[in-house]
Amino acid sequence: MQDVEVITEIAQAHDGSVGILHSLIDALANAGSKIIKFQMHIAEAESSKFDQFRNNFSKVDKTRFDYWKRMELTRDQWIEIKTHCERLGCEFLCTPFSVCAVEMLASMGIKRIKIGSGDVVNPILLENIAKLKIPMIISSGMSNFEELDQAVSILKKGSKNIAVMQCSSDYPVAPEQWGLNLICELKGRYNLPIGLSDHSGTIYPSLAAVALGADLIEVHGTFDRRMFGPDATSSLQIEEIEQLLKGVQLIRKSLNSPVSKTDISRYEHIRNLFGRTVSLRRSLTKGARLTFEDLEAAKPAGLGVPASDFGKILGRRTKYAISKGMFLKSDDFE
């Protein structure tokens, strides 16, 4: 099995501050992140005066358009961010939310691209992304299978290197909506790498998805879930990302090391230590017939009749008196 890719997404956690964004890159890289994802918003291209907040979290932006405008970065700033990631040995991954953003990312030489759940039913964006002919990741949060089938079909025009993410577009998402059952269903349906894009604000669904065979995981990262922004409560804090990365590594190591229940030779020594030999609960006189009520089984194994073979001596008569607590041997009986 290949290693699981863990994508840590900064998304809106920087709140429009390039300085905070760069500090988040450093923190995520120091935590062990190898893939850091961003969202490229260009207000005039993706939004309008009719655009409504998913949840009205902002006290500084009158409209959602205003928020996206405030979150915009220049091309030069995006290049600096990409360079920063690559200098730290991290992949720069980004989700475009408009054709203009796709074109900007293409001009920056992006190697792989992520498509958000809301654009599964946006063939204009999908067709433009397919033209890039680079690996793609698509989240499935708001779509049904028919819509997702059509999206994957469009993307395959550009590349067969596509990953599909189970995603529930709730922020934060409750356990009842994690959709872990869809990991295996998506694998069977598309025969492509399958992952989980999680918005729970905990490490648990991602770890469970890895155990179920997910090939990649995506989580949001932030310094603190109390920070400003629409994704803060759905994000992992830096120390939790460290835990997640360690957990993913250990689970994958376990899955790559199947345990056999037919060969238990490695337990031979400890089996003797914890094994049992038949012993007496009470003293017996010479000629007494051994009954089940006379029996105990004490550690270790190998000092007489194994506990598993007690039936071989049951009902036999003793050759001599045997004291309570003694281990029993076949030779003790007629």
C-alpha atoms as a PDB file:
ATOM      1  CA  MET A   1       0.000   0.000   0.000  1.00  0.00           C
ATOM      2  CA  GLN A   2       1.160   3.513  -0.791  1.00  0.00           C
ATOM      3  CA  ASP A   3       1.445   6.181   1.872  1.00  0.00           C
ATOM      4  CA  VAL A   4      -1.660   8.239   2.588  1.00  0.00           C
ATOM      5  CA  GLU A   5      -1.400  11.844   1.445  1.00  0.00           C
ATOM      6  CA  VAL A   6      -2.501  14.352   4.064  1.00  0.00           C
ATOM      7  CA  ILE A   7      -3.517  17.754   2.722  1.00  0.00           C
ATOM      8  CA  THR A   8      -3.626  20.571   5.248  1.00  0.00           C
ATOM      9  CA  GLU A   9      -5.725  23.472   4.029  1.00  0.00           C
ATOM     10  CA  ILE A  10      -5.237  27.042   5.180  1.00  0.00           C
ATOM     11  CA  ALA A  11      -8.297  28.242   3.252  1.00  0.00           C
ATOM     12  CA  GLN A  12      -9.578  31.454   4.897  1.00  0.00           C
ATOM     13  CA  ALA A  13      -7.647  31.049   8.164  1.00  0.00           C
ATOM     14  CA  HIS A  14      -5.337  33.927   7.215  1.00  0.00           C
ATOM     15  CA  ASP A  15      -8.302  36.361   7.029  1.00  0.00           C
ATOM     16  CA  GLY A  16      -6.672  38.288   4.208  1.00  0.00           C
ATOM     17  CA  SER A  17      -3.364  38.824   6.006  1.00  0.00           C
ATOM     18  CA  VAL A  18      -0.382  37.738   3.938  1.00  0.00           C
ATOM     19  CA  GLY A  19       1.740  37.801   7.080  1.00  0.00           C
ATOM     20  CA  ILE A  20      -0.539  35.393   8.933  1.00  0.00           C
ATOM     21  CA  LEU A  21      -0.700  33.213   5.836  1.00  0.00           C
ATOM     22  CA  HIS A  22       3.089  32.887   5.710  1.00  0.00           C
ATOM     23  CA  SER A  23       3.209  32.114   9.435  1.00  0.00           C
ATOM     24  CA  LEU A  24       0.594  29.378   8.940  1.00  0.00           C
ATOM     25  CA  ILE A  25       2.728  27.871   6.173  1.00  0.00           C
ATOM     26  CA  ASP A  26       5.700  27.737   8.546  1.00  0.00           C
ATOM     27  CA  ALA A  27       3.624  26.243  11.351  1.00  0.00           C
ATOM     28  CA  LEU A  28       2.088  23.548   9.168  1.00  0.00           C
ATOM     29  CA  ALA A  29       5.441  22.626   7.647  1.00  0.00           C
ATOM     30  CA  ASN A  30       6.992  22.408  11.121  1.00  0.00           C
ATOM     31  CA  ALA A  31       4.115  20.140  12.159  1.00  0.00           C
ATOM     32  CA  GLY A  32       5.054  17.750   9.361  1.00  0.00           C
ATOM     33  CA  SER A  33       2.678  18.798   6.583  1.00  0.00           C
ATOM     34  CA  LYS A  34       3.933  18.019   3.086  1.00  0.00           C
ATOM     35  CA  ILE A  35       0.934  19.306   1.118  1.00  0.00           C
ATOM     36  CA  ILE A  36      -0.487  22.739   1.966  1.00  0.00           C
ATOM     37  CA  LYS A  37      -3.636  23.875   0.213  1.00  0.00           C
ATOM     38  CA  PHE A  38      -5.061  27.305  -0.441  1.00  0.00           C
ATOM     39  CA  GLN A  39      -8.183  28.825  -1.969  1.00  0.00           C
ATOM     40  CA  MET A  40      -7.884  31.379  -4.738  1.00  0.00           C
ATOM     41  CA  HIS A  41     -10.788  33.812  -4.676  1.00  0.00           C
ATOM     42  CA  ILE A  42     -11.231  36.569  -7.269  1.00  0.00           C
ATOM     43  CA  ALA A  43     -14.387  38.396  -6.249  1.00  0.00           C
ATOM     44  CA  GLU A  44     -15.363  39.902  -9.608  1.00  0.00           C
ATOM     45  CA  ALA A  45     -15.065  36.516 -11.316  1.00  0.00           C
ATOM     46  CA  GLU A  46     -16.760  34.226  -8.804  1.00  0.00           C
ATOM     47  CA  SER A  47     -19.166  36.419  -6.858  1.00  0.00           C
ATOM     48  CA  SER A  48     -21.843  39.101  -7.247  1.00  0.00           C
ATOM     49  CA  LYS A  49     -23.990  41.455  -5.182  1.00  0.00           C
ATOM     50  CA  PHE A  50     -26.473  38.582  -4.803  1.00  0.00           C
ATOM     51  CA  ASP A  51     -23.913  36.276  -3.169  1.00  0.00           C
ATOM     52  CA  GLN A  52     -25.059  35.365   0.358  1.00  0.00           C
ATOM     53  CA  PHE A  53     -23.082  34.227   3.383  1.00  0.00           C
ATOM     54  CA  ARG A  54     -23.325  30.535   4.214  1.00  0.00           C
ATOM     55  CA  ASN A  55     -23.349  31.712   7.812  1.00  0.00           C
ATOM     56  CA  ASN A  56     -23.170  35.378   8.649  1.00  0.00           C
ATOM     57  CA  PHE A  57     -19.960  35.219  10.682  1.00  0.00           C
ATOM     58  CA  SER A  58     -18.490  38.566   9.638  1.00  0.00           C
ATOM     59  CA  LYS A  59     -18.861  41.849  11.484  1.00  0.00           C
ATOM     60  CA  VAL A  60     -16.516  43.676   9.104  1.00  0.00           C
ATOM     61  CA  ASP A  61     -17.806  42.621   5.668  1.00  0.00           C
ATOM     62  CA  LYS A  62     -21.215  43.939   4.621  1.00  0.00           C
ATOM     63  CA  THR A  63     -21.628  41.349   1.863  1.00  0.00           C
ATOM     64  CA  ARG A  64     -20.044  38.076   0.844  1.00  0.00           C
ATOM     65  CA  PHE A  65     -18.644  39.840  -2.210  1.00  0.00           C
ATOM     66  CA  ASP A  66     -16.905  42.267   0.158  1.00  0.00           C
ATOM     67  CA  TYR A  67     -15.462  39.314   2.062  1.00  0.00           C
ATOM     68  CA  TRP A  68     -14.077  37.630  -1.059  1.00  0.00           C
ATOM     69  CA  LYS A  69     -12.664  40.975  -2.170  1.00  0.00           C
ATOM     70  CA  ARG A  70     -10.873  41.353   1.134  1.00  0.00           C
ATOM     71  CA  MET A  71      -9.503  37.815   0.848  1.00  0.00           C
ATOM     72  CA  GLU A  72      -7.953  38.400  -2.574  1.00  0.00           C
ATOM     73  CA  LEU A  73      -4.201  38.258  -3.092  1.00  0.00           C
ATOM     74  CA  THR A  74      -2.188  39.547  -6.023  1.00  0.00           C
ATOM     75  CA  ARG A  75      -0.423  37.276  -8.470  1.00  0.00           C
ATOM     76  CA  ASP A  76       2.929  38.328  -7.021  1.00  0.00           C
ATOM     77  CA  GLN A  77       1.724  37.423  -3.519  1.00  0.00           C
ATOM     78  CA  TRP A  78       0.540  34.023  -4.745  1.00  0.00           C
ATOM     79  CA  ILE A  79       3.934  33.407  -6.341  1.00  0.00           C
ATOM     80  CA  GLU A  80       5.609  34.293  -3.027  1.00  0.00           C
ATOM     81  CA  ILE A  81       3.315  31.832  -1.230  1.00  0.00           C
ATOM     82  CA  LYS A  82       4.019  29.065  -3.735  1.00  0.00           C
ATOM     83  CA  THR A  83       7.755  29.726  -3.479  1.00  0.00           C
ATOM     84  CA  HIS A  84       7.565  29.673   0.320  1.00  0.00           C
ATOM     85  CA  CYS A  85       5.879  26.252   0.295  1.00  0.00           C
ATOM     86  CA  GLU A  86       8.343  24.777  -2.166  1.00  0.00           C
ATOM     87  CA  ARG A  87      11.320  26.169  -0.256  1.00  0.00           C
ATOM     88  CA  LEU A  88      10.076  24.210   2.770  1.00  0.00           C
ATOM     89  CA  GLY A  89       9.693  21.048   0.706  1.00  0.00           C
ATOM     90  CA  CYS A  90       5.887  21.276   0.637  1.00  0.00           C
ATOM     91  CA  GLU A  91       3.571  20.972  -2.347  1.00  0.00           C
ATOM     92  CA  PHE A  92       1.570  24.111  -3.133  1.00  0.00           C
ATOM     93  CA  LEU A  93      -1.990  22.971  -3.828  1.00  0.00           C
ATOM     94  CA  CYS A  94      -4.842  25.342  -4.556  1.00  0.00           C
ATOM     95  CA  THR A  95      -8.572  25.378  -5.274  1.00  0.00           C
ATOM     96  CA  PRO A  96      -9.658  27.922  -7.905  1.00  0.00           C
ATOM     97  CA  PHE A  97     -13.195  29.291  -7.710  1.00  0.00           C
ATOM     98  CA  SER A  98     -13.299  30.906 -11.139  1.00  0.00           C
ATOM     99  CA  VAL A  99     -11.903  30.488 -14.633  1.00  0.00           C
ATOM    100  CA  CYS A 100      -9.725  33.534 -13.937  1.00  0.00           C
ATOM    101  CA  ALA A 101      -8.244  31.712 -10.950  1.00  0.00           C
ATOM    102  CA  VAL A 102      -7.619  28.607 -13.072  1.00  0.00           C
ATOM    103  CA  GLU A 103      -5.745  30.734 -15.577  1.00  0.00           C
ATOM    104  CA  MET A 104      -3.664  32.397 -12.857  1.00  0.00           C
ATOM    105  CA  LEU A 105      -2.705  29.045 -11.338  1.00  0.00           C
ATOM    106  CA  ALA A 106      -1.792  27.717 -14.784  1.00  0.00           C
ATOM    107  CA  SER A 107       0.455  30.721 -15.360  1.00  0.00           C
ATOM    108  CA  MET A 108       2.178  29.949 -12.048  1.00  0.00           C
ATOM    109  CA  GLY A 109       2.982  26.396 -13.160  1.00  0.00           C
ATOM    110  CA  ILE A 110       0.819  24.552 -10.634  1.00  0.00           C
ATOM    111  CA  LYS A 111       1.405  20.772 -10.765  1.00  0.00           C
ATOM    112  CA  ARG A 112      -1.908  19.547  -9.321  1.00  0.00           C
ATOM    113  CA  ILE A 113      -5.252  21.208  -8.678  1.00  0.00           C
ATOM    114  CA  LYS A 114      -8.172  20.772  -6.279  1.00  0.00           C
ATOM    115  CA  ILE A 115     -11.839  21.292  -7.141  1.00  0.00           C
ATOM    116  CA  GLY A 116     -14.250  22.268  -4.394  1.00  0.00           C
ATOM    117  CA  SER A 117     -17.598  20.580  -3.783  1.00  0.00           C
ATOM    118  CA  GLY A 118     -19.588  23.545  -5.009  1.00  0.00           C
ATOM    119  CA  ASP A 119     -18.123  23.281  -8.501  1.00  0.00           C
ATOM    120  CA  VAL A 120     -18.959  19.634  -9.204  1.00  0.00           C
ATOM    121  CA  VAL A 121     -21.908  20.994 -11.219  1.00  0.00           C
ATOM    122  CA  ASN A 122     -19.899  23.784 -12.855  1.00  0.00           C
ATOM    123  CA  PRO A 123     -18.839  22.324 -16.220  1.00  0.00           C
ATOM    124  CA  ILE A 124     -17.421  25.688 -17.338  1.00  0.00           C
ATOM    125  CA  LEU A 125     -14.829  25.538 -14.565  1.00  0.00           C
ATOM    126  CA  LEU A 126     -14.312  21.790 -14.966  1.00  0.00           C
ATOM    127  CA  GLU A 127     -13.691  22.027 -18.714  1.00  0.00           C
ATOM    128  CA  ASN A 128     -11.084  24.738 -18.142  1.00  0.00           C
ATOM    129  CA  ILE A 129      -9.375  22.672 -15.464  1.00  0.00           C
ATOM    130  CA  ALA A 130      -9.373  19.582 -17.689  1.00  0.00           C
ATOM    131  CA  LYS A 131      -7.481  21.577 -20.335  1.00  0.00           C
ATOM    132  CA  LEU A 132      -4.540  21.878 -17.935  1.00  0.00           C
ATOM    133  CA  LYS A 133      -3.952  18.111 -18.256  1.00  0.00           C
ATOM    134  CA  ILE A 134      -2.555  17.858 -14.730  1.00  0.00           C
ATOM    135  CA  PRO A 135      -3.551  15.643 -11.778  1.00  0.00           C
ATOM    136  CA  MET A 136      -6.818  16.680 -10.141  1.00  0.00           C
ATOM    137  CA  ILE A 137      -8.641  16.161  -6.848  1.00  0.00           C
ATOM    138  CA  ILE A 138     -12.387  16.714  -6.639  1.00  0.00           C
ATOM    139  CA  SER A 139     -14.577  16.926  -3.546  1.00  0.00           C
ATOM    140  CA  SER A 140     -18.079  15.494  -3.727  1.00  0.00           C
ATOM    141  CA  GLY A 141     -19.819  17.271  -0.846  1.00  0.00           C
ATOM    142  CA  MET A 142     -22.909  18.812  -2.433  1.00  0.00           C
ATOM    143  CA  SER A 143     -23.421  16.405  -5.329  1.00  0.00           C
ATOM    144  CA  ASN A 144     -25.255  13.176  -6.009  1.00  0.00           C
ATOM    145  CA  PHE A 145     -23.682  10.294  -7.900  1.00  0.00           C
ATOM    146  CA  GLU A 146     -25.090  11.315 -11.271  1.00  0.00           C
ATOM    147  CA  GLU A 147     -23.588  14.798 -10.973  1.00  0.00           C
ATOM    148  CA  LEU A 148     -20.285  13.402  -9.722  1.00  0.00           C
ATOM    149  CA  ASP A 149     -20.182  10.891 -12.597  1.00  0.00           C
ATOM    150  CA  GLN A 150     -20.536  13.740 -15.080  1.00  0.00           C
ATOM    151  CA  ALA A 151     -17.828  15.801 -13.368  1.00  0.00           C
ATOM    152  CA  VAL A 152     -15.354  12.904 -13.334  1.00  0.00           C
ATOM    153  CA  SER A 153     -16.132  12.250 -17.008  1.00  0.00           C
ATOM    154  CA  ILE A 154     -15.274  15.861 -17.897  1.00  0.00           C
ATOM    155  CA  LEU A 155     -12.032  15.775 -15.901  1.00  0.00           C
ATOM    156  CA  LYS A 156     -10.944  12.521 -17.552  1.00  0.00           C
ATOM    157  CA  LYS A 157     -10.707  14.431 -20.849  1.00  0.00           C
ATOM    158  CA  GLY A 158      -7.612  16.065 -19.413  1.00  0.00           C
ATOM    159  CA  SER A 159      -6.086  13.421 -17.154  1.00  0.00           C
ATOM    160  CA  LYS A 160      -6.737   9.974 -15.782  1.00  0.00           C
ATOM    161  CA  ASN A 161      -4.907  11.032 -12.613  1.00  0.00           C
ATOM    162  CA  ILE A 162      -7.980  11.986 -10.596  1.00  0.00           C
ATOM    163  CA  ALA A 163      -8.794  11.524  -6.922  1.00  0.00           C
ATOM    164  CA  VAL A 164     -12.338  11.739  -5.558  1.00  0.00           C
ATOM    165  CA  MET A 165     -12.982  12.948  -2.008  1.00  0.00           C
ATOM    166  CA  GLN A 166     -15.918  12.018   0.168  1.00  0.00           C
ATOM    167  CA  CYS A 167     -16.966  15.309   1.714  1.00  0.00           C
ATOM    168  CA  SER A 168     -19.882  16.543   3.776  1.00  0.00           C
ATOM    169  CA  SER A 169     -20.378  20.265   3.249  1.00  0.00           C
ATOM    170  CA  ASP A 170     -21.358  21.072   6.829  1.00  0.00           C
ATOM    171  CA  TYR A 171     -19.189  23.280   9.045  1.00  0.00           C
ATOM    172  CA  PRO A 172     -18.506  21.618  11.409  1.00  0.00           C
ATOM    173  CA  VAL A 173     -19.824  18.238  10.288  1.00  0.00           C
ATOM    174  CA  ALA A 174     -21.452  15.916  12.841  1.00  0.00           C
ATOM    175  CA  PRO A 175     -20.463  12.223  13.075  1.00  0.00           C
ATOM    176  CA  GLU A 176     -23.774  11.197  11.533  1.00  0.00           C
ATOM    177  CA  GLN A 177     -22.737  13.000   8.349  1.00  0.00           C
ATOM    178  CA  TRP A 178     -19.075  11.926   8.057  1.00  0.00           C
ATOM    179  CA  GLY A 179     -20.100   9.464   5.347  1.00  0.00           C
ATOM    180  CA  LEU A 180     -17.336   6.968   6.056  1.00  0.00           C
ATOM    181  CA  ASN A 181     -19.435   4.285   4.371  1.00  0.00           C
ATOM    182  CA  LEU A 182     -18.875   6.078   1.068  1.00  0.00           C
ATOM    183  CA  ILE A 183     -15.095   5.487   1.085  1.00  0.00           C
ATOM    184  CA  CYS A 184     -15.492   1.901  -0.123  1.00  0.00           C
ATOM    185  CA  GLU A 185     -18.466   2.756  -2.338  1.00  0.00           C
ATOM    186  CA  LEU A 186     -16.515   5.466  -4.160  1.00  0.00           C
ATOM    187  CA  LYS A 187     -13.559   3.104  -4.613  1.00  0.00           C
ATOM    188  CA  GLY A 188     -15.782   0.527  -6.237  1.00  0.00           C
ATOM    189  CA  ARG A 189     -17.610   3.053  -8.408  1.00  0.00           C
ATOM    190  CA  TYR A 190     -14.647   4.935  -9.863  1.00  0.00           C
ATOM    191  CA  ASN A 191     -11.606   2.692  -9.398  1.00  0.00           C
ATOM    192  CA  LEU A 192      -9.658   5.844  -8.558  1.00  0.00           C
ATOM    193  CA  PRO A 193      -7.801   7.062  -5.472  1.00  0.00           C
ATOM    194  CA  ILE A 194     -10.408   7.978  -2.872  1.00  0.00           C
ATOM    195  CA  GLY A 195     -10.089  10.271   0.104  1.00  0.00           C
ATOM    196  CA  LEU A 196     -11.925  12.188   2.803  1.00  0.00           C
ATOM    197  CA  SER A 197     -12.197  15.964   2.941  1.00  0.00           C
ATOM    198  CA  ASP A 198     -13.119  16.543   6.555  1.00  0.00           C
ATOM    199  CA  HIS A 199     -14.733  19.538   8.266  1.00  0.00           C
ATOM    200  CA  SER A 200     -15.339  18.041  11.708  1.00  0.00           C
ATOM    201  CA  GLY A 201     -12.681  19.960  13.627  1.00  0.00           C
ATOM    202  CA  THR A 202     -11.393  16.641  15.049  1.00  0.00           C
ATOM    203  CA  ILE A 203      -8.842  14.032  13.964  1.00  0.00           C
ATOM    204  CA  TYR A 204     -11.226  11.075  14.306  1.00  0.00           C
ATOM    205  CA  PRO A 205     -12.956  10.844  10.899  1.00  0.00           C
ATOM    206  CA  SER A 206      -9.640  11.110   9.063  1.00  0.00           C
ATOM    207  CA  LEU A 207      -8.081   8.319  11.112  1.00  0.00           C
ATOM    208  CA  ALA A 208     -11.150   6.158  10.553  1.00  0.00           C
ATOM    209  CA  ALA A 209     -11.044   6.862   6.806  1.00  0.00           C
ATOM    210  CA  VAL A 210      -7.404   5.759   6.626  1.00  0.00           C
ATOM    211  CA  ALA A 211      -8.297   2.525   8.413  1.00  0.00           C
ATOM    212  CA  LEU A 212     -11.032   2.015   5.810  1.00  0.00           C
ATOM    213  CA  GLY A 213      -8.538   2.383   2.969  1.00  0.00           C
ATOM    214  CA  ALA A 214      -8.602   6.082   2.086  1.00  0.00           C
ATOM    215  CA  ASP A 215      -5.703   7.163  -0.121  1.00  0.00           C
ATOM    216  CA  LEU A 216      -5.700  10.815   0.889  1.00  0.00           C
ATOM    217  CA  ILE A 217      -7.050  13.043   3.635  1.00  0.00           C
ATOM    218  CA  GLU A 218      -7.785  16.748   3.677  1.00  0.00           C
ATOM    219  CA  VAL A 219      -8.291  18.860   6.799  1.00  0.00           C
ATOM    220  CA  HIS A 220      -8.415  22.574   7.524  1.00  0.00           C
ATOM    221  CA  GLY A 221      -5.690  24.027   9.723  1.00  0.00           C
ATOM    222  CA  THR A 222      -5.703  27.053  12.008  1.00  0.00           C
ATOM    223  CA  PHE A 223      -3.813  28.430  14.966  1.00  0.00           C
ATOM    224  CA  ASP A 224      -6.945  28.407  17.126  1.00  0.00           C
ATOM    225  CA  ARG A 225     -10.570  27.423  16.506  1.00  0.00           C
ATOM    226  CA  ARG A 226     -11.620  30.658  18.226  1.00  0.00           C
ATOM    227  CA  MET A 227     -10.142  32.734  15.399  1.00  0.00           C
ATOM    228  CA  PHE A 228     -12.242  34.783  12.983  1.00  0.00           C
ATOM    229  CA  GLY A 229     -13.480  33.145   9.803  1.00  0.00           C
ATOM    230  CA  PRO A 230     -16.068  30.783   8.328  1.00  0.00           C
ATOM    231  CA  ASP A 231     -13.924  27.636   8.659  1.00  0.00           C
ATOM    232  CA  ALA A 232     -12.353  28.160  12.091  1.00  0.00           C
ATOM    233  CA  THR A 233     -14.668  25.870  14.063  1.00  0.00           C
ATOM    234  CA  SER A 234     -14.204  23.135  11.432  1.00  0.00           C
ATOM    235  CA  SER A 235     -10.414  23.234  11.506  1.00  0.00           C
ATOM    236  CA  LEU A 236      -7.656  21.398  13.334  1.00  0.00           C
ATOM    237  CA  GLN A 237      -5.182  23.318  15.446  1.00  0.00           C
ATOM    238  CA  ILE A 238      -1.488  22.861  14.727  1.00  0.00           C
ATOM    239  CA  GLU A 239      -0.855  20.367  17.535  1.00  0.00           C
ATOM    240  CA  GLU A 240      -3.852  18.314  16.382  1.00  0.00           C
ATOM    241  CA  ILE A 241      -2.428  18.199  12.877  1.00  0.00           C
ATOM    242  CA  GLU A 242       0.766  16.770  14.365  1.00  0.00           C
ATOM    243  CA  GLN A 243      -1.347  14.073  16.071  1.00  0.00           C
ATOM    244  CA  LEU A 244      -3.216  13.357  12.859  1.00  0.00           C
ATOM    245  CA  LEU A 245      -0.044  12.975  10.816  1.00  0.00           C
ATOM    246  CA  LYS A 246       1.423  10.603  13.407  1.00  0.00           C
ATOM    247  CA  GLY A 247      -1.807   8.626  13.580  1.00  0.00           C
ATOM    248  CA  VAL A 248      -2.030   8.286   9.812  1.00  0.00           C
ATOM    249  CA  GLN A 249       1.565   7.061   9.698  1.00  0.00           C
ATOM    250  CA  LEU A 250       0.948   4.439  12.386  1.00  0.00           C
ATOM    251  CA  ILE A 251      -2.322   3.204  10.895  1.00  0.00           C
ATOM    252  CA  ARG A 252      -0.779   2.876   7.447  1.00  0.00           C
ATOM    253  CA  LYS A 253       2.186   1.010   8.952  1.00  0.00           C
ATOM    254  CA  SER A 254      -0.260  -1.365  10.583  1.00  0.00           C
ATOM    255  CA  LEU A 255      -2.203  -1.914   7.356  1.00  0.00           C
ATOM    256  CA  ASN A 256       1.064  -2.604   5.542  1.00  0.00           C
ATOM    257  CA  SER A 257       1.973  -5.244   8.151  1.00  0.00           C
ATOM    258  CA  PRO A 258      -0.803  -7.866   8.178  1.00  0.00           C
ATOM    259  CA  VAL A 259      -0.800 -10.136  11.215  1.00  0.00           C
ATOM    260  CA  SER A 260      -1.179 -13.894  10.756  1.00  0.00           C
ATOM    261  CA  LYS A 261      -3.306 -15.989  13.087  1.00  0.00           C
ATOM    262  CA  THR A 262      -1.795 -19.217  11.726  1.00  0.00           C
ATOM    263  CA  ASP A 263       1.837 -18.566  12.621  1.00  0.00           C
ATOM    264  CA  ILE A 264       2.152 -17.725  16.320  1.00  0.00           C
ATOM    265  CA  SER A 265       5.771 -18.822  16.738  1.00  0.00           C
ATOM    266  CA  ARG A 266       6.789 -15.330  17.870  1.00  0.00           C
ATOM    267  CA  TYR A 267       4.642 -15.861  20.980  1.00  0.00           C
ATOM    268  CA  GLU A 268       6.213 -19.172  21.997  1.00  0.00           C
ATOM    269  CA  HIS A 269       8.048 -17.806  25.025  1.00  0.00           C
ATOM    270  CA  ILE A 270       5.155 -15.722  26.311  1.00  0.00           C
ATOM    271  CA  ARG A 271       2.721 -18.565  25.643  1.00  0.00           C
ATOM    272  CA  ASN A 272       4.760 -20.669  28.080  1.00  0.00           C
ATOM    273  CA  LEU A 273       4.780 -17.865  30.645  1.00  0.00           C
ATOM    274  CA  PHE A 274       1.021 -17.365  30.464  1.00  0.00           C
ATOM    275  CA  GLY A 275       0.144 -20.955  29.681  1.00  0.00           C
ATOM    276  CA  ARG A 276      -1.300 -23.350  32.246  1.00  0.00           C
ATOM    277  CA  THR A 277      -0.427 -26.786  33.613  1.00  0.00           C
ATOM    278  CA  VAL A 278      -3.073 -28.953  35.358  1.00  0.00           C
ATOM    279  CA  SER A 279      -2.744 -28.766  39.147  1.00  0.00           C
ATOM    280  CA  LEU A 280      -4.735 -29.897  42.178  1.00  0.00           C
ATOM    281  CA  ARG A 281      -7.264 -27.799  44.082  1.00  0.00           C
ATOM    282  CA  ARG A 282      -7.120 -30.271  46.974  1.00  0.00           C
ATOM    283  CA  SER A 283      -4.903 -33.126  48.131  1.00  0.00           C
ATOM    284  CA  LEU A 284      -5.664 -36.652  46.916  1.00  0.00           C
ATOM    285  CA  THR A 285      -4.978 -39.963  48.624  1.00  0.00           C
ATOM    286  CA  LYS A 286      -3.474 -42.966  46.889  1.00  0.00           C
ATOM    287  CA  GLY A 287      -6.037 -44.636  44.597  1.00  0.00           C
ATOM    288  CA  ALA A 288      -8.379 -41.633  44.479  1.00  0.00           C
ATOM    289  CA  ARG A 289     -10.247 -41.160  41.195  1.00  0.00           C
ATOM    290  CA  LEU A 290      -9.525 -37.731  39.652  1.00  0.00           C
ATOM    291  CA  THR A 291     -12.654 -35.620  39.150  1.00  0.00           C
ATOM    292  CA  PHE A 292     -13.182 -32.306  37.372  1.00  0.00           C
ATOM    293  CA  GLU A 293     -13.817 -30.648  40.732  1.00  0.00           C
ATOM    294  CA  ASP A 294     -10.264 -31.615  41.807  1.00  0.00           C
ATOM    295  CA  LEU A 295      -8.673 -29.566  39.032  1.00  0.00           C
ATOM    296  CA  GLU A 296      -7.038 -26.168  38.832  1.00  0.00           C
ATOM    297  CA  ALA A 297      -4.764 -24.790  36.095  1.00  0.00           C
ATOM    298  CA  ALA A 298      -1.710 -22.834  37.203  1.00  0.00           C
ATOM    299  CA  LYS A 299       1.092 -21.006  35.395  1.00  0.00           C
ATOM    300  CA  PRO A 300       3.442 -21.681  33.712  1.00  0.00           C
ATOM    301  CA  ALA A 301       2.906 -24.227  30.957  1.00  0.00           C
ATOM    302  CA  GLY A 302       5.222 -27.188  30.397  1.00  0.00           C
ATOM    303  CA  LEU A 303       5.426 -28.559  33.947  1.00  0.00           C
ATOM    304  CA  GLY A 304       3.033 -31.450  33.427  1.00  0.00           C
ATOM    305  CA  VAL A 305      -0.282 -32.118  31.695  1.00  0.00           C
ATOM    306  CA  PRO A 306      -1.334 -29.044  29.649  1.00  0.00           C
ATOM    307  CA  ALA A 307      -4.650 -27.535  30.739  1.00  0.00           C
ATOM    308  CA  SER A 308      -5.999 -28.249  27.243  1.00  0.00           C
ATOM    309  CA  ASP A 309      -5.367 -32.015  27.808  1.00  0.00           C
ATOM    310  CA  PHE A 310      -7.029 -32.374  31.211  1.00  0.00           C
ATOM    311  CA  GLY A 311      -9.494 -34.902  29.754  1.00  0.00           C
ATOM    312  CA  LYS A 312      -6.680 -37.407  29.254  1.00  0.00           C
ATOM    313  CA  ILE A 313      -6.246 -37.888  33.013  1.00  0.00           C
ATOM    314  CA  LEU A 314      -9.815 -37.269  34.163  1.00  0.00           C
ATOM    315  CA  GLY A 315     -11.320 -40.343  35.891  1.00  0.00           C
ATOM    316  CA  ARG A 316      -7.973 -42.112  36.383  1.00  0.00           C
ATOM    317  CA  ARG A 317      -6.755 -43.268  39.822  1.00  0.00           C
ATOM    318  CA  THR A 318      -3.678 -41.906  41.526  1.00  0.00           C
ATOM    319  CA  LYS A 319      -0.648 -44.151  42.039  1.00  0.00           C
ATOM    320  CA  TYR A 320       0.202 -42.354  45.288  1.00  0.00           C
ATOM    321  CA  ALA A 321      -0.917 -39.448  47.439  1.00  0.00           C
ATOM    322  CA  ILE A 322      -0.589 -36.052  45.768  1.00  0.00           C
ATOM    323  CA  SER A 323      -0.623 -32.785  47.685  1.00  0.00           C
ATOM    324  CA  LYS A 324      -2.783 -29.743  46.920  1.00  0.00           C
ATOM    325  CA  GLY A 325      -1.190 -27.358  44.421  1.00  0.00           C
ATOM    326  CA  MET A 326       1.027 -29.987  42.790  1.00  0.00           C
ATOM    327  CA  PHE A 327       1.289 -30.094  39.003  1.00  0.00           C
ATOM    328  CA  LEU A 328      -0.057 -33.322  37.559  1.00  0.00           C
ATOM    329  CA  LYS A 329       1.730 -35.650  35.141  1.00  0.00           C
ATOM    330  CA  SER A 330       0.330 -38.642  33.253  1.00  0.00           C
ATOM    331  CA  ASP A 331       2.727 -40.902  35.207  1.00  0.00           C
ATOM    332  CA  ASP A 332       0.951 -39.921  38.434  1.00  0.00           C
ATOM    333  CA  PHE A 333      -2.002 -42.105  37.419  1.00  0.00           C
ATOM    334  CA  GLU A 334      -2.675 -45.775  36.790  1.00  0.00           C
END
